[in-house]
C-alpha atoms as a PDB file:
ATOM      1  CA  MET A   1     -66.558   1.283-105.410  1.00  0.00           C
ATOM      2  CA  THR A   2     -64.693   3.862-103.473  1.00  0.00           C
ATOM      3  CA  ILE A   3     -63.088   6.875-104.565  1.00  0.00           C
ATOM      4  CA  ILE A   4     -59.651   5.432-104.718  1.00  0.00           C
ATOM      5  CA  ASP A   5     -61.326   2.808-106.888  1.00  0.00           C
ATOM      6  CA  GLU A   6     -63.114   5.449-109.394  1.00  0.00           C
ATOM      7  CA  LEU A   7     -59.547   7.292-109.721  1.00  0.00           C
ATOM      8  CA  LEU A   8     -57.303   4.601-110.122  1.00  0.00           C
ATOM      9  CA  ALA A   9     -59.840   3.171-113.057  1.00  0.00           C
ATOM     10  CA  ASN A  10     -58.510   5.872-115.480  1.00  0.00           C
ATOM     11  CA  GLY A  11     -54.502   4.855-114.660  1.00  0.00           C
ATOM     12  CA  PRO A  12     -51.729   6.517-112.349  1.00  0.00           C
ATOM     13  CA  VAL A  13     -53.571   9.390-110.595  1.00  0.00           C
ATOM     14  CA  ILE A  14     -51.336  12.930-109.692  1.00  0.00           C
ATOM     15  CA  THR A  15     -51.618  14.594-106.621  1.00  0.00           C
ATOM     16  CA  ASP A  16     -50.390  18.203-105.321  1.00  0.00           C
ATOM     17  CA  GLY A  17     -47.167  18.998-104.622  1.00  0.00           C
ATOM     18  CA  ALA A  18     -45.619  20.795-101.505  1.00  0.00           C
ATOM     19  CA  TRP A  19     -47.469  23.458 -99.295  1.00  0.00           C
ATOM     20  CA  GLY A  20     -45.547  25.186 -96.446  1.00  0.00           C
ATOM     21  CA  THR A  21     -42.567  26.442 -99.128  1.00  0.00           C
ATOM     22  CA  GLN A  22     -45.928  27.797-101.569  1.00  0.00           C
ATOM     23  CA  LEU A  23     -47.601  29.553 -98.430  1.00  0.00           C
ATOM     24  CA  GLN A  24     -44.244  31.391 -97.770  1.00  0.00           C
ATOM     25  CA  LEU A  25     -44.220  32.189-101.161  1.00  0.00           C
ATOM     26  CA  ARG A  26     -47.900  33.889-100.541  1.00  0.00           C
ATOM     27  CA  GLY A  27     -47.074  35.700 -97.979  1.00  0.00           C
ATOM     28  CA  LEU A  28     -46.599  32.917 -94.647  1.00  0.00           C
ATOM     29  CA  PRO A  29     -44.259  34.674 -92.305  1.00  0.00           C
ATOM     30  CA  ILE A  30     -41.341  31.921 -91.063  1.00  0.00           C
ATOM     31  CA  GLY A  31     -41.895  30.530 -88.375  1.00  0.00           C
ATOM     32  CA  HIS A  32     -45.782  31.268 -88.445  1.00  0.00           C
ATOM     33  CA  SER A  33     -48.385  28.167 -87.958  1.00  0.00           C
ATOM     34  CA  PRO A  34     -49.466  27.195 -91.659  1.00  0.00           C
ATOM     35  CA  ASP A  35     -52.491  25.656 -90.472  1.00  0.00           C
ATOM     36  CA  GLY A  36     -53.234  28.622 -88.278  1.00  0.00           C
ATOM     37  CA  TRP A  37     -53.370  30.977 -91.699  1.00  0.00           C
ATOM     38  CA  ASN A  38     -56.672  28.993 -92.471  1.00  0.00           C
ATOM     39  CA  LEU A  39     -58.139  31.766 -89.999  1.00  0.00           C
ATOM     40  CA  GLU A  40     -56.497  34.663 -91.251  1.00  0.00           C
ATOM     41  CA  ALA A  41     -55.276  34.735 -94.959  1.00  0.00           C
ATOM     42  CA  ALA A  42     -58.280  32.209 -96.613  1.00  0.00           C
ATOM     43  CA  ASP A  43     -57.690  33.794 -99.869  1.00  0.00           C
ATOM     44  CA  GLN A  44     -53.938  33.169 -99.820  1.00  0.00           C
ATOM     45  CA  VAL A  45     -54.282  29.466 -98.956  1.00  0.00           C
ATOM     46  CA  GLU A  46     -56.886  29.201-101.693  1.00  0.00           C
ATOM     47  CA  GLN A  47     -54.404  29.742-104.003  1.00  0.00           C
ATOM     48  CA  VAL A  48     -52.258  27.328-103.595  1.00  0.00           C
ATOM     49  CA  PRO A  49     -54.426  23.921-104.236  1.00  0.00           C
ATOM     50  CA  ARG A  50     -56.220  26.119-106.737  1.00  0.00           C
ATOM     51  CA  ALA A  51     -52.732  26.096-108.836  1.00  0.00           C
ATOM     52  CA  TYR A  52     -52.519  22.476-107.997  1.00  0.00           C
ATOM     53  CA  VAL A  53     -55.811  21.898-110.171  1.00  0.00           C
ATOM     54  CA  ASP A  54     -55.142  24.047-112.600  1.00  0.00           C
ATOM     55  CA  ALA A  55     -51.354  22.132-112.973  1.00  0.00           C
ATOM     56  CA  GLY A  56     -53.198  19.123-113.788  1.00  0.00           C
ATOM     57  CA  SER A  57     -53.886  17.614-110.052  1.00  0.00           C
ATOM     58  CA  ASP A  58     -56.332  15.209-109.674  1.00  0.00           C
ATOM     59  CA  VAL A  59     -56.458  14.898-106.020  1.00  0.00           C
ATOM     60  CA  VAL A  60     -55.500  17.657-103.604  1.00  0.00           C
ATOM     61  CA  LEU A  61     -54.751  17.913-100.103  1.00  0.00           C
ATOM     62  CA  THR A  62     -55.884  20.536 -97.442  1.00  0.00           C
ATOM     63  CA  ASN A  63     -54.074  23.037 -95.319  1.00  0.00           C
ATOM     64  CA  THR A  64     -54.245  20.488 -91.962  1.00  0.00           C
ATOM     65  CA  PHE A  65     -51.194  18.850 -91.496  1.00  0.00           C
ATOM     66  CA  ARG A  66     -50.166  20.242 -87.805  1.00  0.00           C
ATOM     67  CA  ALA A  67     -53.607  20.808 -87.371  1.00  0.00           C
ATOM     68  CA  ASN A  68     -54.482  18.173 -84.758  1.00  0.00           C
ATOM     69  CA  ARG A  69     -54.735  19.162 -80.881  1.00  0.00           C
ATOM     70  CA  LEU A  70     -51.499  18.193 -79.698  1.00  0.00           C
ATOM     71  CA  ALA A  71     -49.543  19.715 -82.864  1.00  0.00           C
ATOM     72  CA  LEU A  72     -51.626  23.131 -82.695  1.00  0.00           C
ATOM     73  CA  GLU A  73     -51.031  23.640 -78.618  1.00  0.00           C
ATOM     74  CA  SER A  74     -47.679  24.099 -79.338  1.00  0.00           C
ATOM     75  CA  GLU A  75     -48.788  27.465 -81.110  1.00  0.00           C
ATOM     76  CA  GLY A  76     -51.415  27.963 -79.062  1.00  0.00           C
ATOM     77  CA  LEU A  77     -53.672  27.235 -81.586  1.00  0.00           C
ATOM     78  CA  ALA A  78     -55.526  24.472 -79.575  1.00  0.00           C
ATOM     79  CA  GLU A  79     -59.105  25.829 -78.926  1.00  0.00           C
ATOM     80  CA  LYS A  80     -59.055  26.198 -82.442  1.00  0.00           C
ATOM     81  CA  VAL A  81     -58.802  22.779 -83.493  1.00  0.00           C
ATOM     82  CA  ASN A  82     -62.721  22.912 -85.166  1.00  0.00           C
ATOM     83  CA  ASP A  83     -62.209  26.085 -87.449  1.00  0.00           C
ATOM     84  CA  ILE A  84     -58.794  25.639 -88.323  1.00  0.00           C
ATOM     85  CA  ASN A  85     -59.572  21.876 -90.067  1.00  0.00           C
ATOM     86  CA  ARG A  86     -63.091  22.844 -91.286  1.00  0.00           C
ATOM     87  CA  ILE A  87     -62.129  25.759 -92.651  1.00  0.00           C
ATOM     88  CA  GLY A  88     -58.803  24.165 -94.414  1.00  0.00           C
ATOM     89  CA  ALA A  89     -61.197  21.453 -95.695  1.00  0.00           C
ATOM     90  CA  GLU A  90     -63.756  24.192 -97.094  1.00  0.00           C
ATOM     91  CA  ILE A  91     -60.793  26.218 -98.735  1.00  0.00           C
ATOM     92  CA  SER A  92     -59.861  23.349-100.833  1.00  0.00           C
ATOM     93  CA  LEU A  93     -63.547  22.107-101.692  1.00  0.00           C
ATOM     94  CA  ARG A  94     -63.750  25.317-102.714  1.00  0.00           C
ATOM     95  CA  ALA A  95     -60.700  25.477-104.967  1.00  0.00           C
ATOM     96  CA  ALA A  96     -61.290  22.166-106.454  1.00  0.00           C
ATOM     97  CA  ASP A  97     -64.473  23.087-107.463  1.00  0.00           C
ATOM     98  CA  GLY A  98     -65.497  19.065-108.591  1.00  0.00           C
ATOM     99  CA  LYS A  99     -62.305  19.490-111.272  1.00  0.00           C
ATOM    100  CA  ALA A 100     -60.175  17.337-108.165  1.00  0.00           C
ATOM    101  CA  LYS A 101     -60.573  15.278-105.132  1.00  0.00           C
ATOM    102  CA  VAL A 102     -59.780  16.887-101.924  1.00  0.00           C
ATOM    103  CA  PHE A 103     -58.290  14.252 -99.812  1.00  0.00           C
ATOM    104  CA  ALA A 104     -57.454  15.670 -96.012  1.00  0.00           C
ATOM    105  CA  SER A 105     -54.200  15.725 -95.085  1.00  0.00           C
ATOM    106  CA  ILE A 106     -53.063  14.045 -91.182  1.00  0.00           C
ATOM    107  CA  GLY A 107     -49.445  14.712 -90.384  1.00  0.00           C
ATOM    108  CA  PRO A 108     -47.805  13.306 -86.763  1.00  0.00           C
ATOM    109  CA  SER A 109     -48.744  14.844 -83.887  1.00  0.00           C
ATOM    110  CA  GLY A 110     -45.151  16.036 -82.917  1.00  0.00           C
ATOM    111  CA  LYS A 111     -44.876  13.927 -79.573  1.00  0.00           C
ATOM    112  CA  ILE A 112     -43.051  11.039 -79.491  1.00  0.00           C
ATOM    113  CA  LEU A 113     -44.627   7.680 -77.930  1.00  0.00           C
ATOM    114  CA  MET A 114     -41.736   5.585 -76.747  1.00  0.00           C
ATOM    115  CA  MET A 115     -40.334   8.635 -74.620  1.00  0.00           C
ATOM    116  CA  GLY A 116     -43.730   9.037 -73.022  1.00  0.00           C
ATOM    117  CA  GLU A 117     -44.560  12.290 -73.978  1.00  0.00           C
ATOM    118  CA  THR A 118     -47.986  11.179 -75.013  1.00  0.00           C
ATOM    119  CA  SER A 119     -49.804   7.833 -74.985  1.00  0.00           C
ATOM    120  CA  GLN A 120     -52.152   5.595 -76.884  1.00  0.00           C
ATOM    121  CA  GLU A 121     -55.080   7.027 -75.552  1.00  0.00           C
ATOM    122  CA  GLN A 122     -54.685  10.369 -76.061  1.00  0.00           C
ATOM    123  CA  LEU A 123     -52.939   9.986 -79.739  1.00  0.00           C
ATOM    124  CA  ARG A 124     -56.514   7.899 -80.563  1.00  0.00           C
ATOM    125  CA  GLU A 125     -58.467  10.833 -79.140  1.00  0.00           C
ATOM    126  CA  VAL A 126     -56.510  13.958 -81.096  1.00  0.00           C
ATOM    127  CA  PHE A 127     -56.707  12.250 -84.214  1.00  0.00           C
ATOM    128  CA  GLU A 128     -60.021  10.739 -84.525  1.00  0.00           C
ATOM    129  CA  GLU A 129     -61.206  14.205 -83.525  1.00  0.00           C
ATOM    130  CA  GLN A 130     -58.987  15.885 -86.569  1.00  0.00           C
ATOM    131  CA  ALA A 131     -60.474  13.138 -88.816  1.00  0.00           C
ATOM    132  CA  ASN A 132     -64.291  13.629 -87.930  1.00  0.00           C
ATOM    133  CA  ILE A 133     -63.874  17.686 -88.331  1.00  0.00           C
ATOM    134  CA  LEU A 134     -62.429  16.635 -91.714  1.00  0.00           C
ATOM    135  CA  ALA A 135     -65.364  14.255 -92.722  1.00  0.00           C
ATOM    136  CA  HIS A 136     -67.604  16.276 -91.727  1.00  0.00           C
ATOM    137  CA  ALA A 137     -66.378  19.170 -93.841  1.00  0.00           C
ATOM    138  CA  GLY A 138     -67.104  17.058 -96.741  1.00  0.00           C
ATOM    139  CA  VAL A 139     -63.662  15.613 -97.857  1.00  0.00           C
ATOM    140  CA  ASP A 140     -63.439  12.633 -99.953  1.00  0.00           C
ATOM    141  CA  ALA A 141     -60.332  10.763 -98.010  1.00  0.00           C
ATOM    142  CA  ILE A 142     -57.868  11.257 -95.502  1.00  0.00           C
ATOM    143  CA  VAL A 143     -53.883  11.095 -95.639  1.00  0.00           C
ATOM    144  CA  ILE A 144     -52.111   9.904 -93.184  1.00  0.00           C
ATOM    145  CA  GLU A 145     -48.882  11.745 -94.074  1.00  0.00           C
ATOM    146  CA  THR A 146     -45.130  11.982 -93.048  1.00  0.00           C
ATOM    147  CA  MET A 147     -45.674   9.186 -90.447  1.00  0.00           C
ATOM    148  CA  THR A 148     -41.861   8.280 -89.152  1.00  0.00           C
ATOM    149  CA  ASP A 149     -43.459   6.113 -86.034  1.00  0.00           C
ATOM    150  CA  LEU A 150     -45.301   3.056 -87.622  1.00  0.00           C
ATOM    151  CA  ALA A 151     -46.458   2.604 -83.973  1.00  0.00           C
ATOM    152  CA  GLU A 152     -48.580   6.242 -84.534  1.00  0.00           C
ATOM    153  CA  ALA A 153     -49.330   5.746 -87.997  1.00  0.00           C
ATOM    154  CA  LYS A 154     -51.240   3.207 -87.067  1.00  0.00           C
ATOM    155  CA  ILE A 155     -54.029   4.819 -84.424  1.00  0.00           C
ATOM    156  CA  ALA A 156     -54.057   7.510 -86.444  1.00  0.00           C
ATOM    157  CA  LEU A 157     -55.150   5.507 -88.862  1.00  0.00           C
ATOM    158  CA  ALA A 158     -57.405   3.667 -87.116  1.00  0.00           C
ATOM    159  CA  ALA A 159     -58.915   6.857 -85.811  1.00  0.00           C
ATOM    160  CA  ALA A 160     -59.456   7.955 -89.679  1.00  0.00           C
ATOM    161  CA  LYS A 161     -61.168   4.591 -90.808  1.00  0.00           C
ATOM    162  CA  GLN A 162     -63.489   5.618 -87.976  1.00  0.00           C
ATOM    163  CA  THR A 163     -65.205   7.904 -90.357  1.00  0.00           C
ATOM    164  CA  GLY A 164     -66.258   5.623 -93.126  1.00  0.00           C
ATOM    165  CA  LEU A 165     -64.003   7.592 -95.811  1.00  0.00           C
ATOM    166  CA  PRO A 166     -61.056   5.601 -97.585  1.00  0.00           C
ATOM    167  CA  VAL A 167     -57.580   6.089 -95.924  1.00  0.00           C
ATOM    168  CA  VAL A 168     -54.414   6.441 -97.486  1.00  0.00           C
ATOM    169  CA  CYS A 169     -51.638   6.079 -94.932  1.00  0.00           C
ATOM    170  CA  CYS A 170     -47.816   6.866 -95.732  1.00  0.00           C
ATOM    171  CA  MET A 171     -44.327   7.078 -93.773  1.00  0.00           C
ATOM    172  CA  VAL A 172     -40.731   8.966 -94.518  1.00  0.00           C
ATOM    173  CA  PHE A 173     -37.818   6.775 -95.113  1.00  0.00           C
ATOM    174  CA  ASP A 174     -34.749   8.336 -94.663  1.00  0.00           C
ATOM    175  CA  SER A 175     -32.869   6.301 -92.458  1.00  0.00           C
ATOM    176  CA  GLY A 176     -30.535   2.960 -92.105  1.00  0.00           C
ATOM    177  CA  LYS A 177     -27.793   1.633 -94.556  1.00  0.00           C
ATOM    178  CA  GLU A 178     -29.596   2.083 -97.775  1.00  0.00           C
ATOM    179  CA  LEU A 179     -32.123   4.650 -96.779  1.00  0.00           C
ATOM    180  CA  ASP A 180     -34.760   2.122 -96.761  1.00  0.00           C
ATOM    181  CA  ARG A 181     -35.989   2.319 -92.992  1.00  0.00           C
ATOM    182  CA  THR A 182     -38.345   4.923 -90.798  1.00  0.00           C
ATOM    183  CA  MET A 183     -36.328   6.844 -88.640  1.00  0.00           C
ATOM    184  CA  MET A 184     -37.505   4.412 -86.041  1.00  0.00           C
ATOM    185  CA  GLY A 185     -36.033   1.262 -87.844  1.00  0.00           C
ATOM    186  CA  ASN A 186     -39.394  -0.431 -89.646  1.00  0.00           C
ATOM    187  CA  SER A 187     -38.619  -1.756 -92.871  1.00  0.00           C
ATOM    188  CA  ILE A 188     -40.753  -1.523 -96.128  1.00  0.00           C
ATOM    189  CA  GLU A 189     -41.777  -4.778 -95.505  1.00  0.00           C
ATOM    190  CA  GLN A 190     -43.528  -4.351 -91.936  1.00  0.00           C
ATOM    191  CA  VAL A 191     -44.749  -1.297 -93.297  1.00  0.00           C
ATOM    192  CA  ALA A 192     -46.447  -2.772 -96.095  1.00  0.00           C
ATOM    193  CA  LYS A 193     -47.998  -5.732 -94.193  1.00  0.00           C
ATOM    194  CA  GLU A 194     -49.146  -3.303 -91.113  1.00  0.00           C
ATOM    195  CA  LEU A 195     -50.847  -0.878 -92.657  1.00  0.00           C
ATOM    196  CA  THR A 196     -52.533  -3.024 -94.407  1.00  0.00           C
ATOM    197  CA  ASP A 197     -53.338  -5.454 -91.798  1.00  0.00           C
ATOM    198  CA  ALA A 198     -54.615  -2.002 -90.405  1.00  0.00           C
ATOM    199  CA  GLY A 199     -57.211  -1.450 -93.352  1.00  0.00           C
ATOM    200  CA  ALA A 200     -55.492   0.971 -94.545  1.00  0.00           C
ATOM    201  CA  ASP A 201     -56.665   1.365 -98.607  1.00  0.00           C
ATOM    202  CA  ALA A 202     -53.328   2.842 -99.805  1.00  0.00           C
ATOM    203  CA  ILE A 203     -49.971   3.053 -98.312  1.00  0.00           C
ATOM    204  CA  GLY A 204     -46.342   4.463 -99.239  1.00  0.00           C
ATOM    205  CA  ALA A 205     -43.711   6.813 -98.968  1.00  0.00           C
ATOM    206  CA  ASN A 206     -43.680  10.840 -99.150  1.00  0.00           C
ATOM    207  CA  CYS A 207     -40.793  13.529 -97.753  1.00  0.00           C
ATOM    208  CA  GLY A 208     -37.384  12.243 -96.580  1.00  0.00           C
ATOM    209  CA  GLN A 209     -35.797  11.764 -99.963  1.00  0.00           C
ATOM    210  CA  GLY A 210     -35.822  12.584-103.906  1.00  0.00           C
ATOM    211  CA  ILE A 211     -37.607  11.091-106.450  1.00  0.00           C
ATOM    212  CA  ILE A 212     -34.612   8.981-107.932  1.00  0.00           C
ATOM    213  CA  THR A 213     -34.393   7.231-104.040  1.00  0.00           C
ATOM    214  CA  TYR A 214     -37.871   7.188-103.678  1.00  0.00           C
ATOM    215  CA  ILE A 215     -38.294   4.604-107.112  1.00  0.00           C
ATOM    216  CA  GLU A 216     -36.275   1.675-105.517  1.00  0.00           C
ATOM    217  CA  ILE A 217     -38.439   2.324-101.970  1.00  0.00           C
ATOM    218  CA  CYS A 218     -41.684   2.080-104.809  1.00  0.00           C
ATOM    219  CA  LYS A 219     -40.252  -1.230-106.202  1.00  0.00           C
ATOM    220  CA  GLN A 220     -39.772  -2.644-102.707  1.00  0.00           C
ATOM    221  CA  PHE A 221     -43.375  -1.608-102.036  1.00  0.00           C
ATOM    222  CA  ALA A 222     -44.755  -3.592-104.914  1.00  0.00           C
ATOM    223  CA  ALA A 223     -42.674  -6.184-104.362  1.00  0.00           C
ATOM    224  CA  VAL A 224     -44.594  -7.133-101.185  1.00  0.00           C
ATOM    225  CA  THR A 225     -47.915  -5.923-101.150  1.00  0.00           C
ATOM    226  CA  ASP A 226     -50.907  -5.409-103.977  1.00  0.00           C
ATOM    227  CA  THR A 227     -52.338  -2.420-101.907  1.00  0.00           C
ATOM    228  CA  PRO A 228     -52.403   0.918-104.459  1.00  0.00           C
ATOM    229  CA  LEU A 229     -49.736   2.456-104.106  1.00  0.00           C
ATOM    230  CA  TRP A 230     -48.790   6.591-102.773  1.00  0.00           C
ATOM    231  CA  ILE A 231     -45.059   8.499-103.333  1.00  0.00           C
ATOM    232  CA  LYS A 232     -44.824  11.803-102.774  1.00  0.00           C
ATOM    233  CA  PRO A 233     -40.944  12.515-102.720  1.00  0.00           C
ATOM    234  CA  ASN A 234     -39.016  15.817-101.941  1.00  0.00           C
ATOM    235  CA  ALA A 235     -37.763  17.955-104.920  1.00  0.00           C
ATOM    236  CA  GLY A 236     -33.678  16.705-104.123  1.00  0.00           C
ATOM    237  CA  ILE A 237     -31.363  17.466-101.413  1.00  0.00           C
ATOM    238  CA  PRO A 238     -32.504  20.783 -99.416  1.00  0.00           C
ATOM    239  CA  LYS A 239     -29.868  23.264 -99.215  1.00  0.00           C
ATOM    240  CA  VAL A 240     -29.860  26.447 -97.223  1.00  0.00           C
ATOM    241  CA  ASP A 241     -28.945  29.996 -98.877  1.00  0.00           C
ATOM    242  CA  GLU A 242     -29.390  32.934 -96.664  1.00  0.00           C
ATOM    243  CA  ASP A 243     -31.936  31.444 -94.759  1.00  0.00           C
ATOM    244  CA  CYS A 244     -33.923  30.008 -97.577  1.00  0.00           C
ATOM    245  CA  VAL A 245     -34.132  26.468 -98.115  1.00  0.00           C
ATOM    246  CA  ILE A 246     -33.552  24.931-101.745  1.00  0.00           C
ATOM    247  CA  TYR A 247     -34.621  22.365-103.156  1.00  0.00           C
ATOM    248  CA  ASP A 248     -32.359  21.095-106.147  1.00  0.00           C
ATOM    249  CA  SER A 249     -34.452  19.177-108.376  1.00  0.00           C
ATOM    250  CA  THR A 250     -35.810  21.942-111.157  1.00  0.00           C
ATOM    251  CA  PRO A 251     -40.107  20.931-112.094  1.00  0.00           C
ATOM    252  CA  ASP A 252     -38.705  18.942-115.305  1.00  0.00           C
ATOM    253  CA  GLU A 253     -35.629  17.163-113.690  1.00  0.00           C
ATOM    254  CA  PHE A 254     -37.997  15.659-111.028  1.00  0.00           C
ATOM    255  CA  ALA A 255     -40.801  14.503-113.659  1.00  0.00           C
ATOM    256  CA  ALA A 256     -38.426  13.166-115.869  1.00  0.00           C
ATOM    257  CA  SER A 257     -38.745  10.536-113.251  1.00  0.00           C
ATOM    258  CA  THR A 258     -42.298  10.184-113.558  1.00  0.00           C
ATOM    259  CA  ARG A 259     -42.705   7.525-115.824  1.00  0.00           C
ATOM    260  CA  ALA A 260     -40.056   5.369-113.794  1.00  0.00           C
ATOM    261  CA  LEU A 261     -41.710   6.190-110.745  1.00  0.00           C
ATOM    262  CA  VAL A 262     -45.360   4.773-112.325  1.00  0.00           C
ATOM    263  CA  GLU A 263     -43.427   2.041-113.690  1.00  0.00           C
ATOM    264  CA  ALA A 264     -42.009   0.959-110.305  1.00  0.00           C
ATOM    265  CA  GLY A 265     -45.329   0.259-109.483  1.00  0.00           C
ATOM    266  CA  ALA A 266     -46.920   3.835-108.126  1.00  0.00           C
ATOM    267  CA  SER A 267     -50.707   3.971-108.261  1.00  0.00           C
ATOM    268  CA  PHE A 268     -50.601   7.743-106.973  1.00  0.00           C
ATOM    269  CA  VAL A 269     -47.808  10.133-107.788  1.00  0.00           C
ATOM    270  CA  GLY A 270     -46.991  13.495-106.831  1.00  0.00           C
ATOM    271  CA  GLY A 271     -44.546  15.670-104.574  1.00  0.00           C
ATOM    272  CA  CYS A 272     -43.588  16.871-101.045  1.00  0.00           C
ATOM    273  CA  CYS A 273     -40.971  19.163-100.151  1.00  0.00           C
ATOM    274  CA  GLY A 274     -39.669  21.924-102.842  1.00  0.00           C
ATOM    275  CA  THR A 275     -42.296  20.674-105.530  1.00  0.00           C
ATOM    276  CA  GLU A 276     -44.499  23.308-106.992  1.00  0.00           C
ATOM    277  CA  PRO A 277     -47.640  23.484-109.643  1.00  0.00           C
ATOM    278  CA  GLU A 278     -45.172  23.724-112.437  1.00  0.00           C
ATOM    279  CA  THR A 279     -43.521  20.348-111.360  1.00  0.00           C
ATOM    280  CA  ILE A 280     -46.696  18.530-111.268  1.00  0.00           C
ATOM    281  CA  ALA A 281     -47.704  20.025-114.691  1.00  0.00           C
ATOM    282  CA  ALA A 282     -44.726  19.000-115.776  1.00  0.00           C
ATOM    283  CA  MET A 283     -45.519  15.602-114.204  1.00  0.00           C
ATOM    284  CA  LYS A 284     -48.417  15.360-115.658  1.00  0.00           C
ATOM    285  CA  ARG A 285     -47.076  16.549-119.777  1.00  0.00           C
ATOM    286  CA  GLU A 286     -44.605  13.166-119.115  1.00  0.00           C
ATOM    287  CA  LEU A 287     -47.554  10.630-118.172  1.00  0.00           C
ATOM    288  CA  SER A 288     -49.048  12.240-120.951  1.00  0.00           C
END
């Protein structure tokens, strides 16, 4: 039995919420590398997963979303890839303190494969490097998240699977006439089949849209797969006000759709951009 099976044995699993906006509230300068902050402000970073655990999260992620070597190159941090990932995992493990599981976050490379900005071999190498560091640090599972290119997602998935840990793989759906396609035009049915065939232990969607739209996306996933579904929508539509990004769903408004998301087939529910610990606490109340 994997950690995925153990968690789902108790019903829907509540994950965490946004990280970037929470780090900014704790002093992360705009334009500064969130992942690099693991080295400079570990105490402030640790406040984020700790707040989610206190709010009721069963699973928290790590502050390693852009911590692959390719993404870190743009920040001048490529040579610190080991320390950033190791410390990122240690921070969340410390914050979880056995009360929640820690799933390591791996995001996109920031390079476009089809444009020749990188190669499949290079992607596999950088994702394996990151996944191995995180696995050795003691995380419970890995989440490949916010992917827009199915080809890159599958490379990251294969790289993560070689660690022996369970792997969740989810993509962004915000394109096409019905906003149910990835940026590269992949359908939900295609994504579900290819990620499941590639060995993902759970699949799904995050970011891109609010929770109401993701209820329908979740229904479409559930209609074509029995693989556990991981769904983390944004807190509505972002608006810019005096250089600040504001999301239009309050924690209670967002959480009001939690049960509908579970009824649509979601096994893991949480929030992405604009959500906060109060959002997770409200979701916990809805499911209780």
